[in-house]
Amino acid sequence: MKIIKKIILASIIITFVLILNLKSGLNNNMVLADTTLKAGISLVENVPKGLFGTWRVVAVLENTDSPEVFRNKSADLWNLSRNNNVMNLSNPFTGASADLAVEFVKGNVIKFTKEGVSDNKKLTDTVEIKLDGNRFTGKNYLTLKTLSSTDNSVIKVQSAVYVLAGEKISGMSVLDK
């Protein structure tokens, strides 16, 4: 009798999971972290190889609640690399480097996040780009949280959205996928 109860419970759970996936409206081509990690494959493996290399990136402020904090325009170099299942973004000018959390990959659309903490500030960058040959376009959503020095609670939140345009200047061929 215990085996029958376990089989019924397992069937209910499997049915529930299948129904949730159908009701979620997710596209089968979209790879999400939870389903991919369960299968033992990192999302980084789905990132098109053409994204890796060095990019000249221009960012133009689209909107912000704190114009005194965020610049209107910036030009930068991004070196996007991969080491096993870890994607990294480094800037050869500033020496900054951060591992990225790849949130989804759908064809040539890639979304990743990086966080950094300095003093009592926590900056979260969420970047969504569309790769098109030796170029990409996209958006960068920034959230800057000021933290209390006594209990690390959030004192202030400031945000900005930048429109991005990137041009590849060196690295793997975008023809290799």
Protein backbone atom coordinates (compact mmCIF):
# COMPACT_ATOMS: atom_id res chain seq x y z
CA MET A 1 0.00 0.00 0.00
CA LYS A 2 2.87 2.41 0.77
CA ILE A 3 4.27 1.89 -2.73
CA ILE A 4 0.92 2.74 -4.31
CA LYS A 5 0.71 5.96 -2.27
CA LYS A 6 4.23 6.91 -3.38
CA ILE A 7 3.38 6.23 -7.02
CA ILE A 8 0.20 8.32 -6.76
CA LEU A 9 2.08 11.16 -5.05
CA ALA A 10 4.83 11.06 -7.69
CA SER A 11 2.21 11.11 -10.47
CA ILE A 12 0.50 14.12 -8.92
CA ILE A 13 3.78 15.99 -8.60
CA ILE A 14 4.80 15.21 -12.20
CA THR A 15 1.38 16.29 -13.48
CA PHE A 16 1.56 19.51 -11.46
CA VAL A 17 5.01 20.34 -12.85
CA LEU A 18 3.89 19.65 -16.42
CA ILE A 19 0.78 21.82 -16.00
CA LEU A 20 2.85 24.68 -14.55
CA ASN A 21 5.24 24.55 -17.50
CA LEU A 22 2.34 24.61 -19.98
CA LYS A 23 0.54 27.44 -18.18
CA SER A 24 3.67 29.56 -17.81
CA GLY A 25 3.67 30.50 -21.51
CA LEU A 26 7.40 29.97 -21.77
CA ASN A 27 8.78 29.35 -25.21
CA ASN A 28 10.46 25.97 -25.58
CA ASN A 29 13.41 27.68 -27.28
CA MET A 30 14.10 29.76 -24.16
CA VAL A 31 16.58 28.16 -21.79
CA LEU A 32 16.08 29.01 -18.13
CA ALA A 33 18.55 28.53 -15.31
CA ASP A 34 16.43 26.21 -13.16
CA THR A 35 15.59 23.74 -15.94
CA THR A 36 19.08 23.83 -17.37
CA LEU A 37 20.85 23.34 -14.08
CA LYS A 38 18.66 20.34 -13.31
CA ALA A 39 19.82 18.81 -16.56
CA GLY A 40 23.44 19.49 -15.58
CA ILE A 41 24.15 21.99 -18.35
CA SER A 42 25.15 25.59 -17.71
CA LEU A 43 23.39 28.41 -19.55
CA VAL A 44 26.85 29.70 -20.47
CA GLU A 45 27.12 26.74 -22.86
CA ASN A 46 24.15 28.15 -24.81
CA VAL A 47 25.68 31.63 -25.26
CA PRO A 48 26.67 32.07 -28.93
CA LYS A 49 30.46 31.87 -29.30
CA GLY A 50 30.35 35.09 -31.31
CA LEU A 51 29.64 37.03 -28.11
CA PHE A 52 33.06 36.24 -26.66
CA GLY A 53 35.81 38.72 -27.42
CA THR A 54 36.45 42.43 -27.02
CA TRP A 55 33.70 44.95 -27.72
CA ARG A 56 33.59 48.73 -27.99
CA VAL A 57 30.36 49.61 -26.17
CA VAL A 58 28.47 52.89 -26.22
CA ALA A 59 25.76 53.50 -23.62
CA VAL A 60 23.23 56.35 -23.86
CA LEU A 61 21.00 57.15 -20.91
CA GLU A 62 17.35 56.47 -21.76
CA ASN A 63 15.83 57.34 -18.38
CA THR A 64 16.71 57.65 -14.72
CA ASP A 65 15.34 58.82 -11.42
CA SER A 66 18.77 60.24 -10.49
CA PRO A 67 20.30 62.34 -13.28
CA GLU A 68 22.89 63.69 -10.86
CA VAL A 69 24.30 60.17 -10.37
CA PHE A 70 24.24 58.56 -13.82
CA ARG A 71 26.15 59.89 -16.85
CA ASN A 72 24.28 60.73 -20.06
CA LYS A 73 26.71 58.81 -22.28
CA SER A 74 29.64 56.51 -21.88
CA ALA A 75 32.04 54.59 -24.09
CA ASP A 76 33.79 51.53 -22.80
CA LEU A 77 35.57 48.30 -23.67
CA TRP A 78 34.09 44.99 -22.61
CA ASN A 79 36.07 41.80 -22.79
CA LEU A 80 33.58 38.92 -22.57
CA SER A 81 35.17 35.56 -21.90
CA ARG A 82 34.28 32.09 -20.75
CA ASN A 83 36.18 29.71 -18.53
CA ASN A 84 34.34 26.38 -18.33
CA ASN A 85 30.85 27.28 -17.08
CA VAL A 86 31.69 30.81 -15.92
CA MET A 87 31.18 33.88 -18.09
CA ASN A 88 33.25 36.95 -17.21
CA LEU A 89 33.16 40.60 -18.20
CA SER A 90 36.34 42.59 -17.71
CA ASN A 91 37.33 46.13 -18.60
CA PRO A 92 40.97 46.55 -19.64
CA PHE A 93 40.86 50.32 -18.96
CA THR A 94 39.64 50.17 -15.36
CA GLY A 95 40.90 46.71 -14.45
CA ALA A 96 37.40 45.81 -13.23
CA SER A 97 36.26 42.23 -13.66
CA ALA A 98 33.05 40.42 -12.71
CA ASP A 99 31.58 36.98 -13.19
CA LEU A 100 28.18 37.11 -14.83
CA ALA A 101 24.99 35.27 -13.97
CA VAL A 102 23.44 34.27 -17.30
CA GLU A 103 19.67 34.51 -16.85
CA PHE A 104 18.53 33.34 -20.26
CA VAL A 105 19.66 32.67 -23.78
CA LYS A 106 17.18 32.62 -26.65
CA GLY A 107 18.92 32.38 -30.00
CA ASN A 108 21.06 35.51 -30.22
CA VAL A 109 19.37 37.24 -27.28
CA ILE A 110 21.35 36.98 -24.06
CA LYS A 111 20.48 38.36 -20.64
CA PHE A 112 23.01 38.46 -17.82
CA THR A 113 23.44 40.16 -14.47
CA LYS A 114 26.41 41.25 -12.42
CA GLU A 115 26.54 42.73 -8.95
CA GLY A 116 29.18 44.68 -7.15
CA VAL A 117 29.43 46.06 -3.64
CA SER A 118 31.70 48.92 -2.66
CA ASP A 119 31.58 50.73 0.66
CA ASN A 120 27.86 51.04 1.39
CA LYS A 121 26.71 50.85 -2.25
CA LYS A 122 25.43 47.82 -4.15
CA LEU A 123 25.24 48.13 -7.94
CA THR A 124 23.26 45.59 -9.97
CA ASP A 125 23.64 45.62 -13.77
CA THR A 126 21.16 43.60 -15.79
CA VAL A 127 22.08 43.56 -19.47
CA GLU A 128 19.94 42.21 -22.28
CA ILE A 129 21.51 42.26 -25.72
CA LYS A 130 20.79 40.94 -29.18
CA LEU A 131 23.85 39.75 -31.06
CA ASP A 132 23.86 40.53 -34.79
CA GLY A 133 27.13 39.56 -36.41
CA ASN A 134 29.92 41.84 -35.21
CA ARG A 135 27.42 44.13 -33.46
CA PHE A 136 24.93 44.02 -30.67
CA THR A 137 22.18 46.26 -29.40
CA GLY A 138 20.36 46.15 -26.12
CA LYS A 139 19.66 47.71 -22.78
CA ASN A 140 21.42 47.94 -19.45
CA TYR A 141 19.20 48.24 -16.36
CA LEU A 142 21.11 49.61 -13.38
CA THR A 143 20.00 49.66 -9.76
CA LEU A 144 22.16 51.41 -7.17
CA LYS A 145 21.24 50.66 -3.57
CA THR A 146 22.68 52.66 -0.71
CA LEU A 147 22.98 50.46 2.36
CA SER A 148 22.93 51.40 6.02
CA SER A 149 26.33 51.04 7.67
CA THR A 150 24.69 49.73 10.84
CA ASP A 151 22.41 46.93 9.60
CA ASN A 152 22.89 46.81 5.79
CA SER A 153 19.25 47.75 5.24
CA VAL A 154 18.48 49.64 2.04
CA ILE A 155 18.38 53.41 2.61
CA LYS A 156 17.97 54.57 -0.99
CA VAL A 157 17.43 53.03 -4.42
CA GLN A 158 18.43 54.82 -7.62
CA SER A 159 17.98 53.41 -11.10
CA ALA A 160 18.80 54.05 -14.73
CA VAL A 161 18.23 52.46 -18.11
CA TYR A 162 20.84 52.76 -20.86
CA VAL A 163 20.52 51.89 -24.53
CA LEU A 164 23.58 49.90 -25.60
CA ALA A 165 25.35 49.50 -28.92
CA GLY A 166 28.38 47.26 -29.22
CA GLU A 167 30.90 46.73 -32.00
CA LYS A 168 33.29 43.79 -31.89
CA ILE A 169 36.93 44.76 -32.19
CA SER A 170 38.60 41.37 -31.56
CA GLY A 171 37.84 37.80 -30.61
CA MET A 172 36.15 34.68 -31.88
CA SER A 173 34.37 34.81 -35.20
CA VAL A 174 30.66 35.42 -34.99
CA LEU A 175 30.27 32.82 -37.71
CA ASP A 176 31.20 30.10 -35.22
CA LYS A 177 28.10 29.30 -33.22
